[in-house]
Amino acid sequence: MDTNNEQSPEKEHLMISMDRILAAIEERDTCLSNPGFCLACEEDADGCEPDARNYECEVCGEKQVFGAEELLFM
């Protein structure tokens, strides 16, 4: 029996919808933004490289911000 209750980042990103991720990627392609998302608090983050991993979140302080394109591949 697995007693590990921690979720991996791969499971956590499922809280952020695919539509939201794809919209962020499209926004990056048409604007000057660099969107990402915090997996801890689900807030949008800006200033992320497309392959960003574990950036610090300006909202919650957790190092769980990933670039939108990186989440697409996870």
C-alpha atoms as a PDB file:
ATOM      1  CA  MET A   1       0.000   0.000   0.000  1.00  0.00           C
ATOM      2  CA  ASP A   2       1.376   3.411  -0.983  1.00  0.00           C
ATOM      3  CA  THR A   3       1.456   5.810   1.956  1.00  0.00           C
ATOM      4  CA  ASN A   4       3.047   8.666   0.030  1.00  0.00           C
ATOM      5  CA  ASN A   5       0.407  11.417  -0.142  1.00  0.00           C
ATOM      6  CA  GLU A   6       2.539  13.954  -2.004  1.00  0.00           C
ATOM      7  CA  GLN A   7       1.546  14.737  -5.565  1.00  0.00           C
ATOM      8  CA  SER A   8       4.166  14.959  -8.257  1.00  0.00           C
ATOM      9  CA  PRO A   9       4.254  18.071 -10.487  1.00  0.00           C
ATOM     10  CA  GLU A  10       2.912  15.932 -13.322  1.00  0.00           C
ATOM     11  CA  LYS A  11      -0.277  15.248 -11.356  1.00  0.00           C
ATOM     12  CA  GLU A  12      -0.580  18.768  -9.968  1.00  0.00           C
ATOM     13  CA  HIS A  13      -0.578  20.467 -13.364  1.00  0.00           C
ATOM     14  CA  LEU A  14      -3.833  18.675 -14.200  1.00  0.00           C
ATOM     15  CA  MET A  15      -5.566  21.363 -12.111  1.00  0.00           C
ATOM     16  CA  ILE A  16      -4.598  23.872 -14.819  1.00  0.00           C
ATOM     17  CA  SER A  17      -6.737  23.128 -17.853  1.00  0.00           C
ATOM     18  CA  MET A  18      -5.285  22.340 -21.243  1.00  0.00           C
ATOM     19  CA  ASP A  19      -7.357  25.200 -22.697  1.00  0.00           C
ATOM     20  CA  ARG A  20      -5.703  27.623 -20.276  1.00  0.00           C
ATOM     21  CA  ILE A  21      -2.220  26.355 -21.175  1.00  0.00           C
ATOM     22  CA  LEU A  22      -2.890  26.522 -24.926  1.00  0.00           C
ATOM     23  CA  ALA A  23      -4.321  30.047 -24.617  1.00  0.00           C
ATOM     24  CA  ALA A  24      -1.160  31.137 -22.787  1.00  0.00           C
ATOM     25  CA  ILE A  25       1.047  29.654 -25.513  1.00  0.00           C
ATOM     26  CA  GLU A  26      -0.992  31.397 -28.204  1.00  0.00           C
ATOM     27  CA  GLU A  27      -0.717  34.657 -26.244  1.00  0.00           C
ATOM     28  CA  ARG A  28       3.082  34.298 -26.171  1.00  0.00           C
ATOM     29  CA  ASP A  29       3.103  33.835 -29.927  1.00  0.00           C
ATOM     30  CA  THR A  30       1.013  36.953 -30.573  1.00  0.00           C
ATOM     31  CA  CYS A  31       2.114  39.307 -27.749  1.00  0.00           C
ATOM     32  CA  LEU A  32       5.262  40.112 -25.845  1.00  0.00           C
ATOM     33  CA  SER A  33       4.319  38.089 -22.773  1.00  0.00           C
ATOM     34  CA  ASN A  34       6.089  35.030 -21.394  1.00  0.00           C
ATOM     35  CA  PRO A  35       3.318  33.177 -19.580  1.00  0.00           C
ATOM     36  CA  GLY A  36       3.646  30.467 -17.002  1.00  0.00           C
ATOM     37  CA  PHE A  37       1.664  28.984 -14.145  1.00  0.00           C
ATOM     38  CA  CYS A  38       2.289  28.215 -10.512  1.00  0.00           C
ATOM     39  CA  LEU A  39       1.423  24.614  -9.736  1.00  0.00           C
ATOM     40  CA  ALA A  40       1.096  25.378  -6.032  1.00  0.00           C
ATOM     41  CA  CYS A  41      -1.513  28.168  -6.184  1.00  0.00           C
ATOM     42  CA  GLU A  42      -2.599  27.986  -9.875  1.00  0.00           C
ATOM     43  CA  GLU A  43      -1.892  31.690 -10.438  1.00  0.00           C
ATOM     44  CA  ASP A  44      -0.677  33.006 -13.777  1.00  0.00           C
ATOM     45  CA  ALA A  45       2.952  34.049 -13.883  1.00  0.00           C
ATOM     46  CA  ASP A  46       4.696  36.283 -16.379  1.00  0.00           C
ATOM     47  CA  GLY A  47       8.342  36.551 -17.306  1.00  0.00           C
ATOM     48  CA  CYS A  48       8.830  32.810 -17.723  1.00  0.00           C
ATOM     49  CA  GLU A  49      10.967  31.204 -20.349  1.00  0.00           C
ATOM     50  CA  PRO A  50       8.923  28.647 -22.316  1.00  0.00           C
ATOM     51  CA  ASP A  51      10.922  25.838 -20.676  1.00  0.00           C
ATOM     52  CA  ALA A  52      10.920  27.393 -17.186  1.00  0.00           C
ATOM     53  CA  ARG A  53      10.890  24.978 -14.252  1.00  0.00           C
ATOM     54  CA  ASN A  54      10.654  25.683 -10.544  1.00  0.00           C
ATOM     55  CA  TYR A  55      10.712  29.488 -10.738  1.00  0.00           C
ATOM     56  CA  GLU A  56       9.606  31.240  -7.558  1.00  0.00           C
ATOM     57  CA  CYS A  57       5.962  32.363  -7.540  1.00  0.00           C
ATOM     58  CA  GLU A  58       5.415  36.066  -6.853  1.00  0.00           C
ATOM     59  CA  VAL A  59       2.054  35.269  -5.246  1.00  0.00           C
ATOM     60  CA  CYS A  60       2.705  32.331  -2.913  1.00  0.00           C
ATOM     61  CA  GLY A  61       6.501  32.160  -2.821  1.00  0.00           C
ATOM     62  CA  GLU A  62       6.682  28.478  -3.772  1.00  0.00           C
ATOM     63  CA  LYS A  63       9.190  27.398  -6.393  1.00  0.00           C
ATOM     64  CA  GLN A  64       6.507  25.796  -8.541  1.00  0.00           C
ATOM     65  CA  VAL A  65       6.241  28.134 -11.544  1.00  0.00           C
ATOM     66  CA  PHE A  66       6.589  26.444 -14.922  1.00  0.00           C
ATOM     67  CA  GLY A  67       6.508  27.923 -18.394  1.00  0.00           C
ATOM     68  CA  ALA A  68       3.308  27.247 -20.322  1.00  0.00           C
ATOM     69  CA  GLU A  69       5.094  25.215 -22.988  1.00  0.00           C
ATOM     70  CA  GLU A  70       6.905  23.163 -20.362  1.00  0.00           C
ATOM     71  CA  LEU A  71       3.537  22.228 -18.836  1.00  0.00           C
ATOM     72  CA  LEU A  72       2.323  21.156 -22.247  1.00  0.00           C
ATOM     73  CA  PHE A  73       5.110  18.566 -22.388  1.00  0.00           C
ATOM     74  CA  MET A  74       4.634  17.312 -18.834  1.00  0.00           C
END
